[in-house]
PDB file of N, CA and C in Angstrom:
ATOM      1  N   UNK A   1       3.433   3.334 -20.461  1.00  0.00           N
ATOM      2  CA  UNK A   1       3.978   2.308 -19.604  1.00  0.00           C
ATOM      3  C   UNK A   1       3.206   2.298 -18.282  1.00  0.00           C
ATOM      4  N   UNK A   2       2.682   1.165 -17.923  1.00  0.00           N
ATOM      5  CA  UNK A   2       1.967   1.030 -16.661  1.00  0.00           C
ATOM      6  C   UNK A   2       2.954   0.826 -15.526  1.00  0.00           C
ATOM      7  N   UNK A   3       2.710   1.506 -14.425  1.00  0.00           N
ATOM      8  CA  UNK A   3       3.575   1.343 -13.258  1.00  0.00           C
ATOM      9  C   UNK A   3       2.875   0.548 -12.168  1.00  0.00           C
ATOM     10  N   UNK A   4       1.693   0.037 -12.475  1.00  0.00           N
ATOM     11  CA  UNK A   4       0.992  -0.798 -11.514  1.00  0.00           C
ATOM     12  C   UNK A   4       0.348  -1.976 -12.220  1.00  0.00           C
ATOM     13  N   UNK A   5       0.111  -3.012 -11.437  1.00  0.00           N
ATOM     14  CA  UNK A   5      -0.592  -4.196 -11.910  1.00  0.00           C
ATOM     15  C   UNK A   5      -1.794  -4.407 -11.014  1.00  0.00           C
ATOM     16  N   UNK A   6      -2.881  -4.830 -11.580  1.00  0.00           N
ATOM     17  CA  UNK A   6      -4.076  -5.097 -10.797  1.00  0.00           C
ATOM     18  C   UNK A   6      -4.552  -3.859 -10.070  1.00  0.00           C
ATOM     19  N   UNK A   7      -4.690  -3.988  -8.763  1.00  0.00           N
ATOM     20  CA  UNK A   7      -5.164  -2.883  -7.931  1.00  0.00           C
ATOM     21  C   UNK A   7      -4.012  -2.049  -7.354  1.00  0.00           C
ATOM     22  N   UNK A   8      -2.848  -2.094  -7.945  1.00  0.00           N
ATOM     23  CA  UNK A   8      -1.689  -1.359  -7.449  1.00  0.00           C
ATOM     24  C   UNK A   8      -1.862   0.144  -7.411  1.00  0.00           C
ATOM     25  N   UNK A   9      -2.759   0.671  -8.243  1.00  0.00           N
ATOM     26  CA  UNK A   9      -3.000   2.113  -8.258  1.00  0.00           C
ATOM     27  C   UNK A   9      -3.647   2.593  -6.963  1.00  0.00           C
ATOM     28  N   UNK A  10      -4.100   1.661  -6.132  1.00  0.00           N
ATOM     29  CA  UNK A  10      -4.682   2.044  -4.846  1.00  0.00           C
ATOM     30  C   UNK A  10      -3.653   2.635  -3.895  1.00  0.00           C
ATOM     31  N   UNK A  11      -2.396   2.288  -4.054  1.00  0.00           N
ATOM     32  CA  UNK A  11      -1.360   2.738  -3.111  1.00  0.00           C
ATOM     33  C   UNK A  11      -1.307   4.264  -3.016  1.00  0.00           C
ATOM     34  N   UNK A  12      -1.041   4.991  -4.103  1.00  0.00           N
ATOM     35  CA  UNK A  12      -1.001   6.450  -3.954  1.00  0.00           C
ATOM     36  C   UNK A  12      -2.362   7.042  -3.618  1.00  0.00           C
ATOM     37  N   UNK A  13      -3.415   6.412  -4.104  1.00  0.00           N
ATOM     38  CA  UNK A  13      -4.764   6.910  -3.818  1.00  0.00           C
ATOM     39  C   UNK A  13      -5.082   6.819  -2.330  1.00  0.00           C
ATOM     40  N   UNK A  14      -4.762   5.688  -1.713  1.00  0.00           N
ATOM     41  CA  UNK A  14      -5.008   5.520  -0.275  1.00  0.00           C
ATOM     42  C   UNK A  14      -4.182   6.525   0.529  1.00  0.00           C
ATOM     43  N   UNK A  15      -2.882   6.628   0.212  1.00  0.00           N
ATOM     44  CA  UNK A  15      -2.037   7.570   0.966  1.00  0.00           C
ATOM     45  C   UNK A  15      -2.550   8.999   0.824  1.00  0.00           C
ATOM     46  N   UNK A  16      -2.943   9.376  -0.366  1.00  0.00           N
ATOM     47  CA  UNK A  16      -3.389  10.751  -0.596  1.00  0.00           C
ATOM     48  C   UNK A  16      -4.709  11.031   0.113  1.00  0.00           C
ATOM     49  N   UNK A  17      -5.702  10.159  -0.087  1.00  0.00           N
ATOM     50  CA  UNK A  17      -7.025  10.402   0.484  1.00  0.00           C
ATOM     51  C   UNK A  17      -7.035  10.333   2.004  1.00  0.00           C
ATOM     52  N   UNK A  18      -6.396   9.326   2.575  1.00  0.00           N
ATOM     53  CA  UNK A  18      -6.414   9.177   4.036  1.00  0.00           C
ATOM     54  C   UNK A  18      -5.617  10.300   4.701  1.00  0.00           C
ATOM     55  N   UNK A  19      -4.462  10.629   4.163  1.00  0.00           N
ATOM     56  CA  UNK A  19      -3.664  11.717   4.741  1.00  0.00           C
ATOM     57  C   UNK A  19      -4.410  13.044   4.650  1.00  0.00           C
ATOM     58  N   UNK A  20      -5.049  13.285   3.524  1.00  0.00           N
ATOM     59  CA  UNK A  20      -5.836  14.511   3.357  1.00  0.00           C
ATOM     60  C   UNK A  20      -7.001  14.541   4.341  1.00  0.00           C
ATOM     61  N   UNK A  21      -7.688  13.412   4.500  1.00  0.00           N
ATOM     62  CA  UNK A  21      -8.830  13.358   5.419  1.00  0.00           C
ATOM     63  C   UNK A  21      -8.396  13.580   6.862  1.00  0.00           C
ATOM     64  N   UNK A  22      -7.294  12.967   7.276  1.00  0.00           N
ATOM     65  CA  UNK A  22      -6.805  13.147   8.644  1.00  0.00           C
ATOM     66  C   UNK A  22      -6.363  14.589   8.856  1.00  0.00           C
ATOM     67  N   UNK A  23      -5.669  15.142   7.890  1.00  0.00           N
ATOM     68  CA  UNK A  23      -5.192  16.525   8.010  1.00  0.00           C
ATOM     69  C   UNK A  23      -6.358  17.507   8.099  1.00  0.00           C
ATOM     70  N   UNK A  24      -7.365  17.309   7.267  1.00  0.00           N
ATOM     71  CA  UNK A  24      -8.530  18.199   7.297  1.00  0.00           C
ATOM     72  C   UNK A  24      -9.368  17.963   8.554  1.00  0.00           C
ATOM     73  N   UNK A  25      -9.450  16.707   8.978  1.00  0.00           N
ATOM     74  CA  UNK A  25     -10.210  16.391  10.181  1.00  0.00           C
ATOM     75  C   UNK A  25      -9.584  16.981  11.436  1.00  0.00           C
ATOM     76  N   UNK A  26      -8.280  17.030  11.463  1.00  0.00           N
ATOM     77  CA  UNK A  26      -7.576  17.605  12.611  1.00  0.00           C
ATOM     78  C   UNK A  26      -7.340  19.102  12.440  1.00  0.00           C
ATOM     79  N   UNK A  27      -7.796  19.659  11.339  1.00  0.00           N
ATOM     80  CA  UNK A  27      -7.595  21.086  11.084  1.00  0.00           C
ATOM     81  C   UNK A  27      -8.290  21.965  12.096  1.00  0.00           C
ATOM     82  N   UNK A  28      -9.432  21.508  12.605  1.00  0.00           N
ATOM     83  CA  UNK A  28     -10.168  22.304  13.584  1.00  0.00           C
ATOM     84  C   UNK A  28      -9.519  22.230  14.969  1.00  0.00           C
ATOM     85  N   UNK A  29      -8.730  21.195  15.201  1.00  0.00           N
ATOM     86  CA  UNK A  29      -8.024  21.035  16.469  1.00  0.00           C
ATOM     87  C   UNK A  29      -6.679  21.755  16.334  1.00  0.00           C
ATOM     88  N   UNK A  30      -6.159  22.230  17.446  1.00  0.00           N
ATOM     89  CA  UNK A  30      -4.892  22.965  17.404  1.00  0.00           C
ATOM     90  C   UNK A  30      -3.722  21.971  17.340  1.00  0.00           C
ATOM     91  N   UNK A  31      -3.501  21.404  16.147  1.00  0.00           N
ATOM     92  CA  UNK A  31      -2.436  20.426  15.931  1.00  0.00           C
ATOM     93  C   UNK A  31      -1.570  20.924  14.779  1.00  0.00           C
ATOM     94  N   UNK A  32      -0.272  20.762  14.921  1.00  0.00           N
ATOM     95  CA  UNK A  32       0.619  21.179  13.845  1.00  0.00           C
ATOM     96  C   UNK A  32       0.373  20.345  12.595  1.00  0.00           C
ATOM     97  N   UNK A  33       0.606  20.945  11.436  1.00  0.00           N
ATOM     98  CA  UNK A  33       0.346  20.282  10.163  1.00  0.00           C
ATOM     99  C   UNK A  33       1.211  19.036   9.987  1.00  0.00           C
ATOM    100  N   UNK A  34       2.461  19.072  10.418  1.00  0.00           N
ATOM    101  CA  UNK A  34       3.356  17.921  10.277  1.00  0.00           C
ATOM    102  C   UNK A  34       2.862  16.713  11.075  1.00  0.00           C
ATOM    103  N   UNK A  35       2.324  16.965  12.243  1.00  0.00           N
ATOM    104  CA  UNK A  35       1.817  15.869  13.075  1.00  0.00           C
ATOM    105  C   UNK A  35       0.578  15.252  12.438  1.00  0.00           C
ATOM    106  N   UNK A  36      -0.290  16.087  11.881  1.00  0.00           N
ATOM    107  CA  UNK A  36      -1.491  15.579  11.213  1.00  0.00           C
ATOM    108  C   UNK A  36      -1.116  14.747   9.992  1.00  0.00           C
ATOM    109  N   UNK A  37      -0.137  15.199   9.227  1.00  0.00           N
ATOM    110  CA  UNK A  37       0.309  14.443   8.045  1.00  0.00           C
ATOM    111  C   UNK A  37       0.949  13.125   8.469  1.00  0.00           C
ATOM    112  N   UNK A  38       1.767  13.155   9.528  1.00  0.00           N
ATOM    113  CA  UNK A  38       2.396  11.921  10.021  1.00  0.00           C
ATOM    114  C   UNK A  38       1.337  10.922  10.475  1.00  0.00           C
ATOM    115  N   UNK A  39       0.323  11.399  11.161  1.00  0.00           N
ATOM    116  CA  UNK A  39      -0.767  10.518  11.580  1.00  0.00           C
ATOM    117  C   UNK A  39      -1.504   9.929  10.392  1.00  0.00           C
ATOM    118  N   UNK A  40      -1.710  10.743   9.365  1.00  0.00           N
ATOM    119  CA  UNK A  40      -2.359  10.261   8.143  1.00  0.00           C
ATOM    120  C   UNK A  40      -1.532   9.213   7.432  1.00  0.00           C
ATOM    121  N   UNK A  41      -0.227   9.405   7.411  1.00  0.00           N
ATOM    122  CA  UNK A  41       0.658   8.431   6.756  1.00  0.00           C
ATOM    123  C   UNK A  41       0.664   7.111   7.522  1.00  0.00           C
ATOM    124  N   UNK A  42       0.686   7.167   8.841  1.00  0.00           N
ATOM    125  CA  UNK A  42       0.668   5.941   9.641  1.00  0.00           C
ATOM    126  C   UNK A  42      -0.647   5.186   9.437  1.00  0.00           C
ATOM    127  N   UNK A  43      -1.765   5.910   9.473  1.00  0.00           N
ATOM    128  CA  UNK A  43      -3.051   5.268   9.243  1.00  0.00           C
ATOM    129  C   UNK A  43      -3.136   4.705   7.824  1.00  0.00           C
ATOM    130  N   UNK A  44      -2.620   5.427   6.854  1.00  0.00           N
ATOM    131  CA  UNK A  44      -2.598   4.952   5.469  1.00  0.00           C
ATOM    132  C   UNK A  44      -1.758   3.690   5.339  1.00  0.00           C
ATOM    133  N   UNK A  45      -0.625   3.653   6.024  1.00  0.00           N
ATOM    134  CA  UNK A  45       0.248   2.487   5.958  1.00  0.00           C
ATOM    135  C   UNK A  45      -0.461   1.243   6.477  1.00  0.00           C
ATOM    136  N   UNK A  46      -1.225   1.405   7.540  1.00  0.00           N
ATOM    137  CA  UNK A  46      -1.979   0.272   8.085  1.00  0.00           C
ATOM    138  C   UNK A  46      -3.011  -0.204   7.067  1.00  0.00           C
ATOM    139  N   UNK A  47      -3.707   0.727   6.450  1.00  0.00           N
ATOM    140  CA  UNK A  47      -4.724   0.376   5.459  1.00  0.00           C
ATOM    141  C   UNK A  47      -4.084  -0.292   4.245  1.00  0.00           C
ATOM    142  N   UNK A  48      -2.953   0.236   3.785  1.00  0.00           N
ATOM    143  CA  UNK A  48      -2.257  -0.349   2.635  1.00  0.00           C
ATOM    144  C   UNK A  48      -1.782  -1.759   2.959  1.00  0.00           C
ATOM    145  N   UNK A  49      -1.239  -1.983   4.150  1.00  0.00           N
ATOM    146  CA  UNK A  49      -0.759  -3.309   4.548  1.00  0.00           C
ATOM    147  C   UNK A  49      -1.901  -4.326   4.543  1.00  0.00           C
ATOM    148  N   UNK A  50      -3.002  -3.967   5.187  1.00  0.00           N
ATOM    149  CA  UNK A  50      -4.134  -4.896   5.276  1.00  0.00           C
ATOM    150  C   UNK A  50      -4.710  -5.166   3.889  1.00  0.00           C
ATOM    151  N   UNK A  51      -4.877  -4.127   3.089  1.00  0.00           N
ATOM    152  CA  UNK A  51      -5.403  -4.285   1.735  1.00  0.00           C
ATOM    153  C   UNK A  51      -4.483  -5.156   0.892  1.00  0.00           C
ATOM    154  N   UNK A  52      -3.192  -4.896   0.930  1.00  0.00           N
ATOM    155  CA  UNK A  52      -2.231  -5.669   0.150  1.00  0.00           C
ATOM    156  C   UNK A  52      -2.192  -7.126   0.545  1.00  0.00           C
ATOM    157  N   UNK A  53      -2.197  -7.399   1.855  1.00  0.00           N
ATOM    158  CA  UNK A  53      -2.184  -8.791   2.314  1.00  0.00           C
ATOM    159  C   UNK A  53      -3.457  -9.520   1.890  1.00  0.00           C
ATOM    160  N   UNK A  54      -4.572  -8.812   1.904  1.00  0.00           N
ATOM    161  CA  UNK A  54      -5.840  -9.447   1.551  1.00  0.00           C
ATOM    162  C   UNK A  54      -5.920  -9.763   0.055  1.00  0.00           C
ATOM    163  N   UNK A  55      -5.545  -8.821  -0.808  1.00  0.00           N
ATOM    164  CA  UNK A  55      -5.727  -9.062  -2.245  1.00  0.00           C
ATOM    165  C   UNK A  55      -4.576  -9.841  -2.867  1.00  0.00           C
ATOM    166  N   UNK A  56      -3.434  -9.911  -2.210  1.00  0.00           N
ATOM    167  CA  UNK A  56      -2.325 -10.728  -2.711  1.00  0.00           C
ATOM    168  C   UNK A  56      -2.242 -12.073  -2.009  1.00  0.00           C
ATOM    169  N   UNK A  57      -3.294 -12.454  -1.298  1.00  0.00           N
ATOM    170  CA  UNK A  57      -3.333 -13.718  -0.560  1.00  0.00           C
ATOM    171  C   UNK A  57      -3.282 -14.896  -1.531  1.00  0.00           C
ATOM    172  N   UNK A  58      -2.348 -15.829  -1.342  1.00  0.00           N
ATOM    173  CA  UNK A  58      -2.276 -16.994  -2.233  1.00  0.00           C
ATOM    174  C   UNK A  58      -3.542 -17.849  -2.222  1.00  0.00           C
ATOM    175  N   UNK A  59      -4.315 -17.779  -1.162  1.00  0.00           N
ATOM    176  CA  UNK A  59      -5.549 -18.559  -1.098  1.00  0.00           C
ATOM    177  C   UNK A  59      -6.574 -18.080  -2.124  1.00  0.00           C
ATOM    178  N   UNK A  60      -6.378 -16.863  -2.644  1.00  0.00           N
ATOM    179  CA  UNK A  60      -7.288 -16.336  -3.653  1.00  0.00           C
ATOM    180  C   UNK A  60      -6.948 -16.853  -5.045  1.00  0.00           C
ATOM    181  N   UNK A  61      -5.826 -17.536  -5.182  1.00  0.00           N
ATOM    182  CA  UNK A  61      -5.405 -18.077  -6.472  1.00  0.00           C
ATOM    183  C   UNK A  61      -6.125 -19.373  -6.807  1.00  0.00           C
ATOM    184  N   UNK A  62      -5.807 -19.878  -7.980  1.00  0.00           N
ATOM    185  CA  UNK A  62      -6.421 -21.114  -8.447  1.00  0.00           C
ATOM    186  C   UNK A  62      -5.313 -22.128  -8.709  1.00  0.00           C
ATOM    187  N   UNK A  63      -5.426 -23.282  -8.096  1.00  0.00           N
ATOM    188  CA  UNK A  63      -4.436 -24.337  -8.263  1.00  0.00           C
ATOM    189  C   UNK A  63      -4.840 -25.218  -9.438  1.00  0.00           C
ATOM    190  N   UNK A  64      -3.942 -25.333 -10.417  1.00  0.00           N
ATOM    191  CA  UNK A  64      -4.200 -26.202 -11.572  1.00  0.00           C
ATOM    192  C   UNK A  64      -3.092 -27.252 -11.643  1.00  0.00           C
ATOM    193  N   UNK A  65      -3.427 -28.394 -12.208  1.00  0.00           N
ATOM    194  CA  UNK A  65      -2.468 -29.489 -12.328  1.00  0.00           C
ATOM    195  C   UNK A  65      -2.303 -29.824 -13.806  1.00  0.00           C
ATOM    196  N   UNK A  66      -1.047 -29.823 -14.253  1.00  0.00           N
ATOM    197  CA  UNK A  66      -0.745 -30.211 -15.625  1.00  0.00           C
ATOM    198  C   UNK A  66      -0.952 -31.721 -15.743  1.00  0.00           C
ATOM    199  N   UNK A  67      -1.813 -32.109 -16.670  1.00  0.00           N
ATOM    200  CA  UNK A  67      -2.168 -33.523 -16.815  1.00  0.00           C
ATOM    201  C   UNK A  67      -0.972 -34.353 -17.259  1.00  0.00           C
ATOM    202  N   UNK A  68      -0.156 -33.806 -18.148  1.00  0.00           N
ATOM    203  CA  UNK A  68       0.974 -34.573 -18.694  1.00  0.00           C
ATOM    204  C   UNK A  68       2.086 -34.779 -17.671  1.00  0.00           C
ATOM    205  N   UNK A  69       2.431 -33.727 -16.943  1.00  0.00           N
ATOM    206  CA  UNK A  69       3.577 -33.822 -16.030  1.00  0.00           C
ATOM    207  C   UNK A  69       3.169 -34.015 -14.574  1.00  0.00           C
ATOM    208  N   UNK A  70       1.929 -33.710 -14.250  1.00  0.00           N
ATOM    209  CA  UNK A  70       1.480 -33.796 -12.868  1.00  0.00           C
ATOM    210  C   UNK A  70       1.941 -32.622 -12.018  1.00  0.00           C
ATOM    211  N   UNK A  71       2.537 -31.615 -12.658  1.00  0.00           N
ATOM    212  CA  UNK A  71       3.042 -30.447 -11.941  1.00  0.00           C
ATOM    213  C   UNK A  71       1.883 -29.550 -11.505  1.00  0.00           C
ATOM    214  N   UNK A  72       1.969 -29.068 -10.264  1.00  0.00           N
ATOM    215  CA  UNK A  72       0.962 -28.149  -9.743  1.00  0.00           C
ATOM    216  C   UNK A  72       1.407 -26.715 -10.011  1.00  0.00           C
ATOM    217  N   UNK A  73       0.456 -25.879 -10.405  1.00  0.00           N
ATOM    218  CA  UNK A  73       0.750 -24.487 -10.714  1.00  0.00           C
ATOM    219  C   UNK A  73      -0.323 -23.616 -10.086  1.00  0.00           C
ATOM    220  N   UNK A  74       0.089 -22.577  -9.375  1.00  0.00           N
ATOM    221  CA  UNK A  74      -0.843 -21.655  -8.745  1.00  0.00           C
ATOM    222  C   UNK A  74      -1.032 -20.453  -9.657  1.00  0.00           C
ATOM    223  N   UNK A  75      -2.231 -20.255 -10.148  1.00  0.00           N
ATOM    224  CA  UNK A  75      -2.558 -19.090 -10.970  1.00  0.00           C
ATOM    225  C   UNK A  75      -3.154 -18.030 -10.061  1.00  0.00           C
ATOM    226  N   UNK A  76      -2.510 -16.874 -10.045  1.00  0.00           N
ATOM    227  CA  UNK A  76      -2.935 -15.820  -9.130  1.00  0.00           C
ATOM    228  C   UNK A  76      -2.665 -14.466  -9.759  1.00  0.00           C
ATOM    229  N   UNK A  77      -3.595 -13.534  -9.554  1.00  0.00           N
ATOM    230  CA  UNK A  77      -3.377 -12.167 -10.005  1.00  0.00           C
ATOM    231  C   UNK A  77      -2.328 -11.519  -9.115  1.00  0.00           C
ATOM    232  N   UNK A  78      -1.541 -10.639  -9.703  1.00  0.00           N
ATOM    233  CA  UNK A  78      -0.530  -9.916  -8.947  1.00  0.00           C
ATOM    234  C   UNK A  78      -0.939  -8.448  -8.873  1.00  0.00           C
ATOM    235  N   UNK A  79      -0.869  -7.881  -7.687  1.00  0.00           N
ATOM    236  CA  UNK A  79      -1.228  -6.489  -7.478  1.00  0.00           C
ATOM    237  C   UNK A  79       0.005  -5.762  -6.963  1.00  0.00           C
ATOM    238  N   UNK A  80       0.554  -4.872  -7.786  1.00  0.00           N
ATOM    239  CA  UNK A  80       1.797  -4.193  -7.415  1.00  0.00           C
ATOM    240  C   UNK A  80       1.791  -2.762  -7.932  1.00  0.00           C
ATOM    241  N   UNK A  81       2.640  -1.943  -7.320  1.00  0.00           N
ATOM    242  CA  UNK A  81       2.839  -0.559  -7.720  1.00  0.00           C
ATOM    243  C   UNK A  81       4.338  -0.366  -7.889  1.00  0.00           C
ATOM    244  N   UNK A  82       4.745   0.091  -9.050  1.00  0.00           N
ATOM    245  CA  UNK A  82       6.161   0.171  -9.420  1.00  0.00           C
ATOM    246  C   UNK A  82       6.856  -1.170  -9.164  1.00  0.00           C
ATOM    247  N   UNK A  83       6.205  -2.240  -9.545  1.00  0.00           N
ATOM    248  CA  UNK A  83       6.729  -3.601  -9.508  1.00  0.00           C
ATOM    249  C   UNK A  83       7.009  -4.113  -8.093  1.00  0.00           C
ATOM    250  N   UNK A  84       6.465  -3.439  -7.093  1.00  0.00           N
ATOM    251  CA  UNK A  84       6.596  -3.866  -5.699  1.00  0.00           C
ATOM    252  C   UNK A  84       5.199  -4.169  -5.188  1.00  0.00           C
ATOM    253  N   UNK A  85       5.029  -5.335  -4.544  1.00  0.00           N
ATOM    254  CA  UNK A  85       3.702  -5.709  -4.045  1.00  0.00           C
ATOM    255  C   UNK A  85       3.136  -4.626  -3.137  1.00  0.00           C
ATOM    256  N   UNK A  86       1.826  -4.508  -3.172  1.00  0.00           N
ATOM    257  CA  UNK A  86       1.133  -3.435  -2.449  1.00  0.00           C
ATOM    258  C   UNK A  86       1.501  -3.399  -0.968  1.00  0.00           C
ATOM    259  N   UNK A  87       1.514  -4.550  -0.313  1.00  0.00           N
ATOM    260  CA  UNK A  87       1.712  -4.551   1.140  1.00  0.00           C
ATOM    261  C   UNK A  87       3.072  -3.997   1.560  1.00  0.00           C
ATOM    262  N   UNK A  88       4.076  -4.078   0.705  1.00  0.00           N
ATOM    263  CA  UNK A  88       5.401  -3.570   1.059  1.00  0.00           C
ATOM    264  C   UNK A  88       5.468  -2.046   1.039  1.00  0.00           C
ATOM    265  N   UNK A  89       4.530  -1.402   0.353  1.00  0.00           N
ATOM    266  CA  UNK A  89       4.475   0.057   0.356  1.00  0.00           C
ATOM    267  C   UNK A  89       4.085   0.604   1.726  1.00  0.00           C
ATOM    268  N   UNK A  90       3.549  -0.238   2.588  1.00  0.00           N
ATOM    269  CA  UNK A  90       3.217   0.194   3.947  1.00  0.00           C
ATOM    270  C   UNK A  90       4.480   0.526   4.736  1.00  0.00           C
ATOM    271  N   UNK A  91       5.622  -0.020   4.324  1.00  0.00           N
ATOM    272  CA  UNK A  91       6.888   0.275   4.994  1.00  0.00           C
ATOM    273  C   UNK A  91       7.710   1.309   4.219  1.00  0.00           C
ATOM    274  N   UNK A  92       7.641   1.266   2.906  1.00  0.00           N
ATOM    275  CA  UNK A  92       8.473   2.135   2.074  1.00  0.00           C
ATOM    276  C   UNK A  92       8.104   3.602   2.238  1.00  0.00           C
ATOM    277  N   UNK A  93       6.828   3.927   2.112  1.00  0.00           N
ATOM    278  CA  UNK A  93       6.404   5.338   2.152  1.00  0.00           C
ATOM    279  C   UNK A  93       6.714   5.987   3.497  1.00  0.00           C
ATOM    280  N   UNK A  94       6.354   5.389   4.643  1.00  0.00           N
ATOM    281  CA  UNK A  94       6.694   6.054   5.913  1.00  0.00           C
ATOM    282  C   UNK A  94       8.195   6.240   6.123  1.00  0.00           C
ATOM    283  N   UNK A  95       8.998   5.262   5.724  1.00  0.00           N
ATOM    284  CA  UNK A  95      10.450   5.388   5.900  1.00  0.00           C
ATOM    285  C   UNK A  95      10.996   6.520   5.029  1.00  0.00           C
ATOM    286  N   UNK A  96      10.575   6.583   3.785  1.00  0.00           N
ATOM    287  CA  UNK A  96      11.060   7.631   2.888  1.00  0.00           C
ATOM    288  C   UNK A  96      10.595   9.009   3.356  1.00  0.00           C
ATOM    289  N   UNK A  97       9.325   9.134   3.720  1.00  0.00           N
ATOM    290  CA  UNK A  97       8.832  10.432   4.207  1.00  0.00           C
ATOM    291  C   UNK A  97       9.513  10.828   5.516  1.00  0.00           C
ATOM    292  N   UNK A  98       9.738   9.852   6.390  1.00  0.00           N
ATOM    293  CA  UNK A  98      10.452  10.149   7.631  1.00  0.00           C
ATOM    294  C   UNK A  98      11.865  10.647   7.367  1.00  0.00           C
ATOM    295  N   UNK A  99      12.550  10.040   6.413  1.00  0.00           N
ATOM    296  CA  UNK A  99      13.901  10.476   6.053  1.00  0.00           C
ATOM    297  C   UNK A  99      13.889  11.879   5.471  1.00  0.00           C
ATOM    298  N   UNK A 100      12.882  12.179   4.654  1.00  0.00           N
ATOM    299  CA  UNK A 100      12.773  13.522   4.079  1.00  0.00           C
ATOM    300  C   UNK A 100      12.516  14.554   5.166  1.00  0.00           C
ATOM    301  N   UNK A 101      11.617  14.227   6.097  1.00  0.00           N
ATOM    302  CA  UNK A 101      11.317  15.155   7.181  1.00  0.00           C
ATOM    303  C   UNK A 101      12.535  15.372   8.070  1.00  0.00           C
ATOM    304  N   UNK A 102      13.263  14.293   8.395  1.00  0.00           N
ATOM    305  CA  UNK A 102      14.467  14.435   9.224  1.00  0.00           C
ATOM    306  C   UNK A 102      15.553  15.227   8.515  1.00  0.00           C
ATOM    307  N   UNK A 103      15.647  15.117   7.204  1.00  0.00           N
ATOM    308  CA  UNK A 103      16.651  15.846   6.454  1.00  0.00           C
ATOM    309  C   UNK A 103      16.366  17.339   6.441  1.00  0.00           C
ATOM    310  N   UNK A 104      15.091  17.696   6.594  1.00  0.00           N
ATOM    311  CA  UNK A 104      14.714  19.109   6.544  1.00  0.00           C
ATOM    312  C   UNK A 104      14.681  19.775   7.914  1.00  0.00           C
ATOM    313  N   UNK A 105      15.005  19.042   8.971  1.00  0.00           N
ATOM    314  CA  UNK A 105      14.991  19.631  10.325  1.00  0.00           C
ATOM    315  C   UNK A 105      16.211  20.475  10.545  1.00  0.00           C
TER     316      UNK A 105
END
């Protein structure tokens, strides 16, 4: 069973790679691990939002007209992860991780 459509698999990949890069990049600086991970998640969320808005843009679709009925139909690829459009994961992941972190304080 696929849990993503189109480029939806980018969501966990972006969060993992960017958070790891920020955490490792700040490893040489005296910064707590939680702060580095939070910074990585925020940066990842921005990247996911921009990527999702760009690839799910309706302008990238193709408008076709049914000759018989004259009805217009927009044909467009859908890019989603767990049936949720990519750009919405920019809000879901930080909120869920923030709730988990607050629950563990």
